[in-house]
Amino acid sequence: MILKSDPAHRLARLLHADAQFEKGGFAAALEDLDVLLETRVLFSSSVELLWKRCQCRLQTGRTEGQLRDLSDILEENPGHVQARLARSHMLEQLGQIRESLDDLTLLLDDHPAHVEALSHRGTLLHRTGQFESAVGDLSRALELSPESAQFYYQRGLAHVRLEDFTAARTDVDRAIHLDS
């Protein structure tokens, strides 16, 4: 599809992408966003368009280029919480656990009460054998979200690895109670 240089046509394409996105037409929105971003014809922030393209890619299962887009967003706006969290998850899926942990640490430096980042980092710390740090992150997540059975369960697993079986049993019992 040819993008006309007329500002009215570019604006129409941007509005079409927004409308398609809002009604769940992610494939059509993705096509418009790809054209707008690749030709650098922008009316709004490239971060906003890149983020929307990332969401469309996830919805359509077309994740090629996703990591690059997330990195571009973070280069332009290092404080973009959703992009930092999404990139962390993607890095984890790619087996790049250290890099994923680094992203979560950067996010938590700016947003120490971000429950999802705390629980995710706690889980990754557990996977990498850093059990005491995992307990710390999961304890902080539980302070912020005390009704999460999953957080109690995860912390209980870390306590088992630390051979603190009393704490592990308490956490697992609490998880079972909350989950029933």
Protein backbone atom coordinates (compact mmCIF):
# COMPACT_ATOMS: atom_id res chain seq x y z
CA MET A 1 0.00 0.00 0.00
CA ILE A 2 1.46 3.37 -1.03
CA LEU A 3 1.65 6.08 1.58
CA LYS A 4 0.84 9.42 0.04
CA SER A 5 2.94 12.33 1.20
CA ASP A 6 -0.13 14.48 1.72
CA PRO A 7 -0.50 15.15 5.47
CA ALA A 8 -4.23 14.42 5.23
CA HIS A 9 -3.51 10.90 3.93
CA ARG A 10 -0.92 10.29 6.63
CA LEU A 11 -3.35 11.47 9.29
CA ALA A 12 -6.06 9.25 7.81
CA ARG A 13 -3.72 6.25 8.02
CA LEU A 14 -2.91 7.05 11.64
CA LEU A 15 -6.60 7.40 12.50
CA HIS A 16 -7.36 4.16 10.66
CA ALA A 17 -4.65 2.36 12.66
CA ASP A 18 -6.10 3.72 15.92
CA ALA A 19 -9.65 2.74 14.96
CA GLN A 20 -8.58 -0.77 13.94
CA PHE A 21 -6.60 -1.17 17.15
CA GLU A 22 -9.54 -0.10 19.32
CA LYS A 23 -11.95 -2.54 17.70
CA GLY A 24 -9.51 -5.44 17.76
CA GLY A 25 -8.46 -5.34 14.11
CA PHE A 26 -4.84 -5.86 15.08
CA ALA A 27 -3.64 -7.17 11.70
CA ALA A 28 -4.98 -4.09 9.87
CA ALA A 29 -3.62 -1.77 12.54
CA LEU A 30 -0.25 -3.52 12.34
CA GLU A 31 -0.10 -2.93 8.58
CA ASP A 32 -0.79 0.80 9.02
CA LEU A 33 1.67 1.14 11.89
CA ASP A 34 4.39 -0.68 9.96
CA VAL A 35 4.03 1.78 7.08
CA LEU A 36 3.96 4.83 9.34
CA LEU A 37 6.98 3.69 11.36
CA GLU A 38 9.07 2.44 8.46
CA THR A 39 8.60 5.62 6.47
CA ARG A 40 9.07 7.73 9.61
CA VAL A 41 5.89 9.61 8.79
CA LEU A 42 4.70 10.44 12.28
CA PHE A 43 2.10 12.68 13.86
CA SER A 44 2.45 11.28 17.32
CA SER A 45 5.38 10.00 19.32
CA SER A 46 7.26 7.12 17.76
CA VAL A 47 7.28 5.53 21.23
CA GLU A 48 3.48 5.51 21.24
CA LEU A 49 3.33 3.98 17.76
CA LEU A 50 6.04 1.42 18.52
CA TRP A 51 4.21 0.38 21.69
CA LYS A 52 0.95 0.01 19.78
CA ARG A 53 2.76 -2.04 17.12
CA CYS A 54 4.17 -4.29 19.86
CA GLN A 55 0.69 -4.89 21.20
CA CYS A 56 -0.62 -5.65 17.69
CA ARG A 57 2.22 -8.09 17.08
CA LEU A 58 1.45 -9.94 20.29
CA GLN A 59 -2.26 -10.10 19.47
CA THR A 60 -1.60 -11.45 15.97
CA GLY A 61 1.20 -13.80 16.98
CA ARG A 62 3.68 -11.99 14.73
CA THR A 63 6.47 -11.35 17.22
CA GLU A 64 9.34 -10.99 14.76
CA GLY A 65 10.97 -7.62 15.36
CA GLN A 66 9.30 -7.33 18.76
CA LEU A 67 12.51 -7.26 20.79
CA ARG A 68 13.95 -4.58 18.48
CA ASP A 69 10.81 -2.43 18.87
CA LEU A 70 10.87 -2.77 22.65
CA SER A 71 14.54 -1.82 22.72
CA ASP A 72 13.82 1.19 20.47
CA ILE A 73 11.07 2.32 22.82
CA LEU A 74 13.37 2.03 25.83
CA GLU A 75 16.18 3.84 24.05
CA GLU A 76 13.89 6.80 23.46
CA ASN A 77 12.01 6.51 26.77
CA PRO A 78 13.90 4.42 29.38
CA GLY A 79 11.07 4.89 31.89
CA HIS A 80 8.39 3.20 29.75
CA VAL A 81 7.15 0.68 32.32
CA GLN A 82 5.12 -1.57 30.01
CA ALA A 83 7.91 -1.83 27.45
CA ARG A 84 10.48 -2.61 30.14
CA LEU A 85 8.27 -5.35 31.57
CA ALA A 86 7.40 -6.76 28.13
CA ARG A 87 11.06 -6.82 27.10
CA SER A 88 11.95 -8.58 30.33
CA HIS A 89 9.38 -11.30 29.60
CA MET A 90 10.61 -11.63 26.01
CA LEU A 91 14.25 -11.87 27.10
CA GLU A 92 13.27 -14.59 29.56
CA GLN A 93 11.51 -16.53 26.78
CA LEU A 94 14.69 -16.25 24.71
CA GLY A 95 16.71 -17.70 27.61
CA GLN A 96 18.44 -14.41 28.37
CA ILE A 97 17.70 -14.53 32.10
CA ARG A 98 20.49 -12.17 33.21
CA GLU A 99 19.28 -9.49 30.78
CA SER A 100 15.69 -10.06 31.88
CA LEU A 101 16.73 -9.58 35.51
CA ASP A 102 18.61 -6.41 34.56
CA ASP A 103 15.46 -4.96 32.96
CA LEU A 104 13.38 -5.81 36.03
CA THR A 105 15.98 -4.23 38.31
CA LEU A 106 15.94 -1.03 36.24
CA LEU A 107 12.14 -0.98 36.40
CA LEU A 108 12.15 -1.53 40.17
CA ASP A 109 14.77 1.19 40.69
CA ASP A 110 12.21 3.67 39.38
CA HIS A 111 9.06 1.88 40.59
CA PRO A 112 9.92 -0.09 43.76
CA ALA A 113 6.26 -0.95 44.42
CA HIS A 114 5.59 -2.54 41.02
CA VAL A 115 4.07 -5.85 42.15
CA GLU A 116 4.35 -7.69 38.83
CA ALA A 117 8.02 -6.76 38.46
CA LEU A 118 8.75 -7.82 42.05
CA SER A 119 7.06 -11.20 41.66
CA HIS A 120 8.61 -11.83 38.26
CA ARG A 121 12.10 -10.91 39.45
CA GLY A 122 11.55 -13.08 42.53
CA THR A 123 10.67 -16.01 40.30
CA LEU A 124 13.72 -15.46 38.08
CA LEU A 125 15.99 -15.08 41.11
CA HIS A 126 14.69 -18.42 42.36
CA ARG A 127 15.40 -20.00 38.96
CA THR A 128 18.98 -18.72 39.08
CA GLY A 129 19.60 -20.03 42.60
CA GLN A 130 19.43 -16.67 44.36
CA PHE A 131 16.93 -17.92 46.92
CA GLU A 132 17.41 -15.28 49.64
CA SER A 133 16.94 -12.48 47.11
CA ALA A 134 13.90 -14.30 45.73
CA VAL A 135 12.37 -14.44 49.22
CA GLY A 136 13.05 -10.69 49.58
CA ASP A 137 11.31 -9.75 46.34
CA LEU A 138 8.38 -12.07 46.94
CA SER A 139 8.00 -10.78 50.51
CA ARG A 140 7.85 -7.23 49.19
CA ALA A 141 5.28 -8.31 46.58
CA LEU A 142 3.22 -9.89 49.35
CA GLU A 143 3.35 -6.67 51.39
CA LEU A 144 1.75 -4.96 48.41
CA SER A 145 -0.58 -7.79 47.43
CA PRO A 146 -1.20 -9.94 50.53
CA GLU A 147 -3.98 -12.01 48.98
CA SER A 148 -1.86 -13.57 46.23
CA ALA A 149 -1.75 -17.33 46.64
CA GLN A 150 0.80 -17.53 43.82
CA PHE A 151 3.25 -15.23 45.62
CA TYR A 152 2.99 -17.29 48.83
CA TYR A 153 3.52 -20.48 46.87
CA GLN A 154 6.56 -19.09 45.05
CA ARG A 155 8.07 -17.80 48.28
CA GLY A 156 7.40 -21.18 49.89
CA LEU A 157 9.42 -22.87 47.14
CA ALA A 158 12.32 -20.51 47.78
CA HIS A 159 12.12 -21.27 51.52
CA VAL A 160 12.37 -24.99 50.71
CA ARG A 161 15.59 -24.37 48.77
CA LEU A 162 16.92 -22.43 51.77
CA GLU A 163 15.92 -25.40 53.95
CA ASP A 164 13.61 -23.20 56.03
CA PHE A 165 10.86 -25.79 56.09
CA THR A 166 8.78 -24.05 58.76
CA ALA A 167 8.50 -20.89 56.66
CA ALA A 168 7.91 -22.98 53.54
CA ARG A 169 5.02 -24.85 55.15
CA THR A 170 3.50 -21.61 56.45
CA ASP A 171 3.63 -20.06 52.97
CA VAL A 172 2.26 -23.12 51.18
CA ASP A 173 -0.53 -23.48 53.75
CA ARG A 174 -1.41 -19.80 53.24
CA ALA A 175 -1.39 -20.28 49.45
CA ILE A 176 -3.73 -23.26 49.76
CA HIS A 177 -6.05 -21.31 52.07
CA LEU A 178 -6.16 -18.33 49.68
CA ASP A 179 -6.66 -20.53 46.64
CA SER A 180 -9.62 -22.45 48.07
